Amino acid sequence: MAIQSMVLDPNAVAYTDDQIVGKVNAASAQITRAGSVAAAARPIASGEVDNTALAAGVAKSNLDAMTDTGRGYIKTSPTTGQFKVIAIERDATGKLKSDYDDVAV
């Protein structure tokens, strides 16, 4: 596991729908059915849900039930194949910086 960072530029040029489709069509990575269909719409695959994912602690549940501003931390709820966010801040240039675990859940 290593912590990675990403920076979003609010002044970046947005892609058009056609540009996004062109990038997807030109991508070398194959999109699999399991990765492209929501888990609720398909059977749960082996290894997708483990005891840790099913066992929600009372303390975590209580904190998660608090209001977003009252909670004091950013709640991260990644699903299979997504990444846990470790920290987020806005840098001095106005860009959004996010640190995340580089190992997917």
C-alpha atoms as a PDB file:
ATOM      1  CA  MET A   1       0.000   0.000   0.000  1.00  0.00           C
ATOM      2  CA  ALA A   2       1.174   3.492  -0.822  1.00  0.00           C
ATOM      3  CA  ILE A   3      -0.530   6.841  -0.544  1.00  0.00           C
ATOM      4  CA  GLN A   4      -1.092   8.535  -3.898  1.00  0.00           C
ATOM      5  CA  SER A   5      -2.184  12.105  -4.659  1.00  0.00           C
ATOM      6  CA  MET A   6      -4.367  13.573  -7.349  1.00  0.00           C
ATOM      7  CA  VAL A   7      -5.076  17.221  -8.109  1.00  0.00           C
ATOM      8  CA  LEU A   8      -8.209  18.501  -9.851  1.00  0.00           C
ATOM      9  CA  ASP A   9      -8.012  21.793 -11.702  1.00  0.00           C
ATOM     10  CA  PRO A  10     -11.342  23.682 -11.610  1.00  0.00           C
ATOM     11  CA  ASN A  11     -10.184  25.688 -14.643  1.00  0.00           C
ATOM     12  CA  ALA A  12      -9.513  22.611 -16.783  1.00  0.00           C
ATOM     13  CA  VAL A  13     -11.338  22.255 -20.092  1.00  0.00           C
ATOM     14  CA  ALA A  14     -14.206  19.762 -19.952  1.00  0.00           C
ATOM     15  CA  TYR A  15     -14.527  16.964 -22.500  1.00  0.00           C
ATOM     16  CA  THR A  16     -17.587  16.827 -24.740  1.00  0.00           C
ATOM     17  CA  ASP A  17     -19.668  13.640 -24.774  1.00  0.00           C
ATOM     18  CA  ASP A  18     -18.150  12.706 -28.158  1.00  0.00           C
ATOM     19  CA  GLN A  19     -14.610  13.193 -26.816  1.00  0.00           C
ATOM     20  CA  ILE A  20     -15.369  10.935 -23.839  1.00  0.00           C
ATOM     21  CA  VAL A  21     -16.798   8.225 -26.110  1.00  0.00           C
ATOM     22  CA  GLY A  22     -13.740   8.534 -28.359  1.00  0.00           C
ATOM     23  CA  LYS A  23     -11.385   8.077 -25.387  1.00  0.00           C
ATOM     24  CA  VAL A  24     -13.350   5.049 -24.126  1.00  0.00           C
ATOM     25  CA  ASN A  25     -13.357   3.477 -27.588  1.00  0.00           C
ATOM     26  CA  ALA A  26      -9.607   4.075 -27.968  1.00  0.00           C
ATOM     27  CA  ALA A  27      -8.712   2.701 -24.510  1.00  0.00           C
ATOM     28  CA  SER A  28      -6.470  -0.356 -24.437  1.00  0.00           C
ATOM     29  CA  ALA A  29      -7.885  -1.647 -21.127  1.00  0.00           C
ATOM     30  CA  GLN A  30     -10.732  -4.101 -21.597  1.00  0.00           C
ATOM     31  CA  ILE A  31     -13.972  -3.273 -19.766  1.00  0.00           C
ATOM     32  CA  THR A  32     -15.351  -6.401 -18.118  1.00  0.00           C
ATOM     33  CA  ARG A  33     -18.990  -7.069 -17.310  1.00  0.00           C
ATOM     34  CA  ALA A  34     -18.281  -7.213 -13.568  1.00  0.00           C
ATOM     35  CA  GLY A  35     -16.578  -3.834 -13.703  1.00  0.00           C
ATOM     36  CA  SER A  36     -19.266  -2.158 -15.760  1.00  0.00           C
ATOM     37  CA  VAL A  37     -22.476  -3.335 -14.073  1.00  0.00           C
ATOM     38  CA  ALA A  38     -23.545  -2.153 -10.629  1.00  0.00           C
ATOM     39  CA  ALA A  39     -23.281  -4.847  -7.958  1.00  0.00           C
ATOM     40  CA  ALA A  40     -27.023  -4.518  -7.225  1.00  0.00           C
ATOM     41  CA  ALA A  41     -27.755  -5.577 -10.809  1.00  0.00           C
ATOM     42  CA  ARG A  42     -25.657  -8.748 -10.730  1.00  0.00           C
ATOM     43  CA  PRO A  43     -24.880 -11.635  -8.393  1.00  0.00           C
ATOM     44  CA  ILE A  44     -22.177 -10.988  -5.799  1.00  0.00           C
ATOM     45  CA  ALA A  45     -18.912 -12.443  -7.040  1.00  0.00           C
ATOM     46  CA  SER A  46     -16.552 -14.414  -4.845  1.00  0.00           C
ATOM     47  CA  GLY A  47     -14.407 -12.079  -2.761  1.00  0.00           C
ATOM     48  CA  GLU A  48     -16.559  -8.968  -3.270  1.00  0.00           C
ATOM     49  CA  VAL A  49     -17.953  -8.960   0.248  1.00  0.00           C
ATOM     50  CA  ASP A  50     -15.983 -10.176   3.238  1.00  0.00           C
ATOM     51  CA  ASN A  51     -16.603 -10.278   7.001  1.00  0.00           C
ATOM     52  CA  THR A  52     -14.965  -6.855   7.429  1.00  0.00           C
ATOM     53  CA  ALA A  53     -17.373  -5.274   4.944  1.00  0.00           C
ATOM     54  CA  LEU A  54     -20.365  -6.867   6.651  1.00  0.00           C
ATOM     55  CA  ALA A  55     -19.377  -6.083  10.255  1.00  0.00           C
ATOM     56  CA  ALA A  56     -20.145  -2.359  10.800  1.00  0.00           C
ATOM     57  CA  GLY A  57     -19.012  -1.200  14.237  1.00  0.00           C
ATOM     58  CA  VAL A  58     -21.322   0.857  16.469  1.00  0.00           C
ATOM     59  CA  ALA A  59     -18.812   3.740  16.724  1.00  0.00           C
ATOM     60  CA  LYS A  60     -18.466   3.983  12.940  1.00  0.00           C
ATOM     61  CA  SER A  61     -22.225   3.803  12.490  1.00  0.00           C
ATOM     62  CA  ASN A  62     -22.735   6.590  15.028  1.00  0.00           C
ATOM     63  CA  LEU A  63     -20.140   8.824  13.352  1.00  0.00           C
ATOM     64  CA  ASP A  64     -21.537   8.113   9.894  1.00  0.00           C
ATOM     65  CA  ALA A  65     -25.025   9.102  11.121  1.00  0.00           C
ATOM     66  CA  MET A  66     -23.812  12.612  12.058  1.00  0.00           C
ATOM     67  CA  THR A  67     -24.337  15.551   9.694  1.00  0.00           C
ATOM     68  CA  ASP A  68     -21.619  16.086   7.081  1.00  0.00           C
ATOM     69  CA  THR A  69     -20.331  19.274   8.712  1.00  0.00           C
ATOM     70  CA  GLY A  70     -20.713  17.983  12.271  1.00  0.00           C
ATOM     71  CA  ARG A  71     -18.841  14.775  11.604  1.00  0.00           C
ATOM     72  CA  GLY A  72     -15.455  16.474  11.192  1.00  0.00           C
ATOM     73  CA  TYR A  73     -14.071  14.003   8.694  1.00  0.00           C
ATOM     74  CA  ILE A  74     -14.732  13.026   5.095  1.00  0.00           C
ATOM     75  CA  LYS A  75     -16.648   9.779   4.914  1.00  0.00           C
ATOM     76  CA  THR A  76     -15.292   7.451   2.256  1.00  0.00           C
ATOM     77  CA  SER A  77     -17.331   4.454   1.167  1.00  0.00           C
ATOM     78  CA  PRO A  78     -15.499   2.803  -1.725  1.00  0.00           C
ATOM     79  CA  THR A  79     -16.936  -0.324  -3.270  1.00  0.00           C
ATOM     80  CA  THR A  80     -15.050  -3.159  -4.939  1.00  0.00           C
ATOM     81  CA  GLY A  81     -12.434  -1.814  -7.320  1.00  0.00           C
ATOM     82  CA  GLN A  82     -12.516   1.705  -5.869  1.00  0.00           C
ATOM     83  CA  PHE A  83      -9.963   3.409  -3.632  1.00  0.00           C
ATOM     84  CA  LYS A  84     -10.149   4.762  -0.056  1.00  0.00           C
ATOM     85  CA  VAL A  85      -9.633   8.528   0.191  1.00  0.00           C
ATOM     86  CA  ILE A  86      -7.120   9.396   2.922  1.00  0.00           C
ATOM     87  CA  ALA A  87      -7.218  13.213   2.818  1.00  0.00           C
ATOM     88  CA  ILE A  88      -8.589  16.058   0.727  1.00  0.00           C
ATOM     89  CA  GLU A  89      -7.723  19.746   0.642  1.00  0.00           C
ATOM     90  CA  ARG A  90      -7.791  22.781  -1.637  1.00  0.00           C
ATOM     91  CA  ASP A  91      -4.261  23.963  -2.391  1.00  0.00           C
ATOM     92  CA  ALA A  92      -3.038  27.572  -2.590  1.00  0.00           C
ATOM     93  CA  THR A  93      -3.652  27.704  -6.361  1.00  0.00           C
ATOM     94  CA  GLY A  94      -7.331  26.727  -5.936  1.00  0.00           C
ATOM     95  CA  LYS A  95      -6.910  23.161  -7.148  1.00  0.00           C
ATOM     96  CA  LEU A  96      -8.486  20.241  -5.292  1.00  0.00           C
ATOM     97  CA  LYS A  97      -5.897  17.746  -4.016  1.00  0.00           C
ATOM     98  CA  SER A  98      -6.868  14.283  -2.881  1.00  0.00           C
ATOM     99  CA  ASP A  99      -4.655  11.597  -1.301  1.00  0.00           C
ATOM    100  CA  TYR A 100      -5.836   8.012  -1.671  1.00  0.00           C
ATOM    101  CA  ASP A 101      -4.685   4.451  -1.054  1.00  0.00           C
ATOM    102  CA  ASP A 102      -3.351   3.002  -4.318  1.00  0.00           C
ATOM    103  CA  VAL A 103      -4.732  -0.475  -3.499  1.00  0.00           C
ATOM    104  CA  ALA A 104      -8.389  -0.937  -4.437  1.00  0.00           C
ATOM    105  CA  VAL A 105     -10.912  -2.299  -1.959  1.00  0.00           C
END
